[in-house]
C-alpha atoms as a PDB file:
ATOM      1  CA  MET A   1     -30.201   5.297  15.019  1.00  0.00           C
ATOM      2  CA  ALA A   2     -32.959   7.463  16.471  1.00  0.00           C
ATOM      3  CA  ASP A   3     -32.922   8.540  20.078  1.00  0.00           C
ATOM      4  CA  VAL A   4     -35.824   8.019  22.464  1.00  0.00           C
ATOM      5  CA  SER A   5     -37.918  11.152  22.092  1.00  0.00           C
ATOM      6  CA  ALA A   6     -38.612  13.445  25.009  1.00  0.00           C
ATOM      7  CA  SER A   7     -42.345  13.004  24.525  1.00  0.00           C
ATOM      8  CA  ALA A   8     -42.071   9.195  24.580  1.00  0.00           C
ATOM      9  CA  ALA A   9     -39.876   9.238  27.687  1.00  0.00           C
ATOM     10  CA  LYS A  10     -42.238  11.631  29.452  1.00  0.00           C
ATOM     11  CA  GLU A  11     -45.325   9.628  28.493  1.00  0.00           C
ATOM     12  CA  HIS A  12     -43.900   6.306  29.663  1.00  0.00           C
ATOM     13  CA  VAL A  13     -42.553   7.651  32.943  1.00  0.00           C
ATOM     14  CA  LEU A  14     -45.840   9.345  33.777  1.00  0.00           C
ATOM     15  CA  LYS A  15     -47.811   6.263  32.708  1.00  0.00           C
ATOM     16  CA  GLY A  16     -46.025   4.266  35.381  1.00  0.00           C
ATOM     17  CA  SER A  17     -46.017   6.981  38.023  1.00  0.00           C
ATOM     18  CA  GLY A  18     -49.503   6.513  39.392  1.00  0.00           C
ATOM     19  CA  ASP A  19     -51.080   9.738  40.553  1.00  0.00           C
ATOM     20  CA  VAL A  20     -48.002  11.908  39.966  1.00  0.00           C
ATOM     21  CA  GLY A  21     -48.875  14.047  36.966  1.00  0.00           C
ATOM     22  CA  ARG A  22     -45.770  16.083  36.181  1.00  0.00           C
ATOM     23  CA  ILE A  23     -42.119  15.532  35.410  1.00  0.00           C
ATOM     24  CA  SER A  24     -39.364  18.128  35.245  1.00  0.00           C
ATOM     25  CA  LYS A  25     -37.467  18.899  32.054  1.00  0.00           C
ATOM     26  CA  ASP A  26     -34.263  17.562  33.636  1.00  0.00           C
ATOM     27  CA  ALA A  27     -36.026  14.363  34.692  1.00  0.00           C
ATOM     28  CA  VAL A  28     -37.285  13.847  31.133  1.00  0.00           C
ATOM     29  CA  GLN A  29     -33.701  14.121  29.880  1.00  0.00           C
ATOM     30  CA  VAL A  30     -32.497  11.574  32.441  1.00  0.00           C
ATOM     31  CA  ALA A  31     -35.364   9.245  31.457  1.00  0.00           C
ATOM     32  CA  ARG A  32     -34.336   9.551  27.790  1.00  0.00           C
ATOM     33  CA  GLU A  33     -30.709   8.728  28.602  1.00  0.00           C
ATOM     34  CA  LEU A  34     -31.675   5.756  30.770  1.00  0.00           C
ATOM     35  CA  ALA A  35     -34.122   4.421  28.172  1.00  0.00           C
ATOM     36  CA  GLN A  36     -31.500   4.664  25.437  1.00  0.00           C
ATOM     37  CA  ALA A  37     -28.947   2.867  27.601  1.00  0.00           C
ATOM     38  CA  TYR A  38     -31.465   0.150  28.513  1.00  0.00           C
ATOM     39  CA  LEU A  39     -32.453  -0.399  24.877  1.00  0.00           C
ATOM     40  CA  ALA A  40     -28.796  -0.623  23.856  1.00  0.00           C
ATOM     41  CA  ASP A  41     -28.182  -3.216  26.608  1.00  0.00           C
ATOM     42  CA  LEU A  42     -31.327  -5.076  25.544  1.00  0.00           C
ATOM     43  CA  GLY A  43     -30.077  -5.136  21.965  1.00  0.00           C
ATOM     44  CA  ARG A  44     -26.659  -6.465  22.983  1.00  0.00           C
ATOM     45  CA  GLY A  45     -28.236  -9.206  25.070  1.00  0.00           C
ATOM     46  CA  ALA A  46     -30.705 -10.143  22.346  1.00  0.00           C
ATOM     47  CA  ALA A  47     -27.884 -10.273  19.788  1.00  0.00           C
ATOM     48  CA  GLU A  48     -25.985 -12.659  22.039  1.00  0.00           C
ATOM     49  CA  GLU A  49     -29.059 -14.894  22.243  1.00  0.00           C
ATOM     50  CA  ALA A  50     -29.445 -14.852  18.454  1.00  0.00           C
ATOM     51  CA  LYS A  51     -25.767 -15.715  17.993  1.00  0.00           C
ATOM     52  CA  LYS A  52     -26.089 -18.649  20.414  1.00  0.00           C
ATOM     53  CA  ALA A  53     -28.890 -19.936  18.190  1.00  0.00           C
ATOM     54  CA  ARG A  54     -26.680 -19.339  15.105  1.00  0.00           C
ATOM     55  CA  ARG A  55     -28.999 -16.668  13.723  1.00  0.00           C
ATOM     56  CA  LYS A  56     -28.328 -13.179  12.417  1.00  0.00           C
ATOM     57  CA  THR A  57     -31.876 -12.065  13.196  1.00  0.00           C
ATOM     58  CA  ILE A  58     -33.070 -11.025  16.645  1.00  0.00           C
ATOM     59  CA  MET A  59     -36.357 -12.735  17.459  1.00  0.00           C
ATOM     60  CA  PRO A  60     -38.942 -11.923  20.150  1.00  0.00           C
ATOM     61  CA  ASP A  61     -37.667 -14.701  22.426  1.00  0.00           C
ATOM     62  CA  ASP A  62     -34.154 -13.245  22.199  1.00  0.00           C
ATOM     63  CA  LEU A  63     -35.485  -9.921  23.478  1.00  0.00           C
ATOM     64  CA  ARG A  64     -37.405 -11.669  26.267  1.00  0.00           C
ATOM     65  CA  ALA A  65     -34.304 -13.587  27.360  1.00  0.00           C
ATOM     66  CA  ALA A  66     -32.246 -10.400  27.334  1.00  0.00           C
ATOM     67  CA  ALA A  67     -34.934  -8.587  29.326  1.00  0.00           C
ATOM     68  CA  ARG A  68     -34.955 -11.389  31.915  1.00  0.00           C
ATOM     69  CA  ALA A  69     -31.196 -11.051  32.266  1.00  0.00           C
ATOM     70  CA  LEU A  70     -31.448  -7.267  32.695  1.00  0.00           C
ATOM     71  CA  ALA A  71     -34.374  -7.348  35.135  1.00  0.00           C
ATOM     72  CA  PRO A  72     -34.645 -10.851  36.610  1.00  0.00           C
ATOM     73  CA  SER A  73     -37.143  -9.819  39.304  1.00  0.00           C
ATOM     74  CA  ARG A  74     -39.638  -8.213  36.892  1.00  0.00           C
ATOM     75  CA  PRO A  75     -42.582 -10.606  36.519  1.00  0.00           C
ATOM     76  CA  GLU A  76     -44.106  -9.234  33.298  1.00  0.00           C
ATOM     77  CA  THR A  77     -43.187  -7.504  30.104  1.00  0.00           C
ATOM     78  CA  PRO A  78     -43.958  -3.797  29.806  1.00  0.00           C
ATOM     79  CA  GLY A  79     -47.668  -3.205  29.445  1.00  0.00           C
ATOM     80  CA  GLY A  80     -48.527  -6.558  30.980  1.00  0.00           C
ATOM     81  CA  LEU A  81     -48.064  -8.410  27.709  1.00  0.00           C
ATOM     82  CA  GLY A  82     -47.063 -11.630  29.409  1.00  0.00           C
ATOM     83  CA  THR A  83     -44.136 -13.010  31.310  1.00  0.00           C
ATOM     84  CA  PHE A  84     -40.538 -12.800  30.154  1.00  0.00           C
END
């Protein structure tokens, strides 16, 4: 499985940072590690949802349910693509 790239981590952190325009090399590494851990947790939660529905395939709603469980106070999906 591929890791979250440094460039992707940097881009996403800075995208959400408002008017802060730089991020240290160490902070990029921490962002990568946190993103990878979050995605692994998201995958575990989505797999649980799929298993409850007796499926072997993770569907978008499984990911949304897992995301709600991981971040219950977040009102929207990343990028404002709708509510969880």
